[in-house]
């Protein structure tokens, strides 16, 4: 059926061919309840497993893999110890831009370790605050 015939039928001017009329599918006699049960999804099966990625890039070229983890909503801890200082700065700049574009967060865990998290992960506190609190508790 072409476009003009469809338009004429829509406005009530034309007639629908018998071949084009709707045919009803016969059921095999099963009640509707039995057929509908296959559409039930367990809530436990729908939950995703949370993954934390650990990364130790050896060159600037490895930073794209880390960005891909962030795009896939995986929190990533990045150890920059094996990189020269200038490359480590470039990696941090690249990941800062990635995290900003994804509305995520980037936090410093140590002078050579950072954690990058996507928008669905909230990181609270900082390591230096926790260390100073523990030191104060030990001195009391």
Protein backbone atom coordinates (compact mmCIF):
# COMPACT_ATOMS: atom_id res chain seq x y z
CA UNK A 1 0.00 0.00 0.00
CA UNK A 2 1.49 3.31 -1.03
CA UNK A 3 1.44 6.61 0.81
CA UNK A 4 -1.54 8.09 -1.06
CA UNK A 5 -3.72 5.05 -0.38
CA UNK A 6 -2.85 5.21 3.31
CA UNK A 7 -3.72 8.90 3.47
CA UNK A 8 -7.05 8.32 1.72
CA UNK A 9 -7.90 5.52 4.16
CA UNK A 10 -6.88 7.71 7.09
CA UNK A 11 -9.27 10.48 6.01
CA UNK A 12 -12.04 7.98 5.23
CA UNK A 13 -12.02 8.52 1.48
CA UNK A 14 -10.45 5.26 0.34
CA UNK A 15 -11.14 1.66 1.25
CA UNK A 16 -8.77 -0.81 2.79
CA UNK A 17 -7.99 -3.93 0.77
CA UNK A 18 -9.02 -7.23 2.31
CA UNK A 19 -5.42 -8.43 2.04
CA UNK A 20 -4.22 -5.46 4.09
CA UNK A 21 -6.76 -5.84 6.87
CA UNK A 22 -5.54 -6.97 10.24
CA UNK A 23 -5.48 -10.66 10.94
CA UNK A 24 -5.97 -11.95 14.44
CA UNK A 25 -3.50 -14.43 15.79
CA UNK A 26 -5.01 -17.46 17.40
CA UNK A 27 -3.60 -18.39 20.79
CA UNK A 28 -2.64 -21.91 21.68
CA UNK A 29 -5.09 -21.94 24.57
CA UNK A 30 -2.66 -20.94 27.33
CA UNK A 31 -4.01 -18.41 29.80
CA UNK A 32 -2.53 -14.92 29.60
CA UNK A 33 -1.10 -15.18 33.12
CA UNK A 34 1.23 -18.01 32.11
CA UNK A 35 2.55 -16.03 29.15
CA UNK A 36 3.13 -12.85 31.18
CA UNK A 37 5.26 -14.49 33.86
CA UNK A 38 8.30 -14.58 31.59
CA UNK A 39 8.53 -10.79 31.78
CA UNK A 40 9.28 -10.70 35.51
CA UNK A 41 12.81 -9.54 36.35
CA UNK A 42 14.43 -10.19 39.69
CA UNK A 43 15.59 -7.04 41.46
CA UNK A 44 18.73 -8.79 42.66
CA UNK A 45 19.75 -9.66 39.12
CA UNK A 46 19.35 -6.05 37.96
CA UNK A 47 21.99 -4.67 40.35
CA UNK A 48 25.42 -4.01 38.89
CA UNK A 49 28.61 -5.05 40.57
CA UNK A 50 30.76 -2.07 41.58
CA UNK A 51 34.33 -2.17 40.28
CA UNK A 52 37.35 -0.22 41.45
CA UNK A 53 40.16 -0.14 38.91
CA UNK A 54 43.82 0.15 39.88
CA UNK A 55 46.13 1.65 37.29
CA UNK A 56 49.84 2.31 37.13
CA UNK A 57 50.55 4.00 33.80
CA UNK A 58 54.07 3.64 32.42
CA UNK A 59 53.68 6.32 29.74
CA UNK A 60 51.29 9.08 28.70
CA UNK A 61 49.74 6.76 26.10
CA UNK A 62 48.22 4.64 28.92
CA UNK A 63 45.99 7.51 30.07
CA UNK A 64 43.32 6.81 27.44
CA UNK A 65 42.61 3.39 29.03
CA UNK A 66 42.06 5.11 32.37
CA UNK A 67 39.67 7.59 30.74
CA UNK A 68 37.77 4.68 29.19
CA UNK A 69 37.30 3.17 32.67
CA UNK A 70 35.86 6.47 33.86
CA UNK A 71 33.52 6.67 30.86
CA UNK A 72 32.28 3.19 31.83
CA UNK A 73 31.47 4.48 35.36
CA UNK A 74 34.39 2.74 37.08
CA UNK A 75 36.29 4.48 39.86
CA UNK A 76 40.03 4.33 39.20
CA UNK A 77 43.00 4.69 41.54
CA UNK A 78 46.05 5.89 39.59
CA UNK A 79 49.61 5.39 40.85
CA UNK A 80 51.95 7.87 39.13
CA UNK A 81 55.23 6.63 40.71
CA UNK A 82 56.59 5.07 37.53
CA UNK A 83 56.13 8.20 35.40
CA UNK A 84 58.57 11.08 35.01
CA UNK A 85 57.28 14.23 36.68
CA UNK A 86 56.43 16.04 33.42
CA UNK A 87 54.43 13.05 32.10
CA UNK A 88 52.67 12.67 35.45
CA UNK A 89 51.52 16.31 35.19
CA UNK A 90 50.20 15.66 31.67
CA UNK A 91 48.33 12.55 32.90
CA UNK A 92 46.75 14.55 35.73
CA UNK A 93 45.76 17.31 33.29
CA UNK A 94 44.17 14.80 30.90
CA UNK A 95 42.30 12.99 33.69
CA UNK A 96 41.16 16.30 35.20
CA UNK A 97 39.58 17.21 31.87
CA UNK A 98 37.99 13.79 31.55
CA UNK A 99 36.57 13.92 35.07
CA UNK A 100 35.25 17.44 34.49
CA UNK A 101 33.52 16.39 31.26
CA UNK A 102 31.89 13.44 33.06
CA UNK A 103 30.87 15.53 36.13
CA UNK A 104 33.08 13.30 38.28
CA UNK A 105 35.69 13.95 40.96
CA UNK A 106 39.45 13.70 41.25
CA UNK A 107 41.16 13.51 44.64
CA UNK A 108 44.76 13.23 45.77
CA UNK A 109 45.47 10.23 47.99
CA UNK A 110 49.23 10.76 48.28
CA UNK A 111 51.82 12.85 46.44
CA UNK A 112 51.96 10.19 43.69
CA UNK A 113 48.48 8.63 43.84
CA UNK A 114 45.11 10.01 42.76
CA UNK A 115 41.59 8.63 42.64
CA UNK A 116 39.23 9.51 39.80
CA UNK A 117 35.55 8.79 40.20
CA UNK A 118 32.59 9.19 37.84
CA UNK A 119 29.47 11.15 38.73
CA UNK A 120 27.70 8.16 40.29
CA UNK A 121 30.38 7.77 43.01
CA UNK A 122 30.72 10.17 45.93
CA UNK A 123 34.08 10.33 47.74
CA UNK A 124 34.08 12.08 51.10
CA UNK A 125 36.90 13.15 53.39
CA UNK A 126 40.59 13.16 52.60
CA UNK A 127 43.56 11.06 53.58
CA UNK A 128 45.51 13.91 55.20
CA UNK A 129 42.59 14.71 57.51
CA UNK A 130 42.34 11.08 58.56
CA UNK A 131 46.08 10.82 59.18
CA UNK A 132 46.14 13.95 61.35
CA UNK A 133 43.11 12.73 63.33
CA UNK A 134 44.80 9.35 63.95
CA UNK A 135 48.01 11.08 65.02
CA UNK A 136 46.10 13.28 67.47
CA UNK A 137 44.36 10.22 68.92
CA UNK A 138 47.71 8.51 69.46
CA UNK A 139 49.15 11.54 71.26
CA UNK A 140 46.30 11.74 73.77
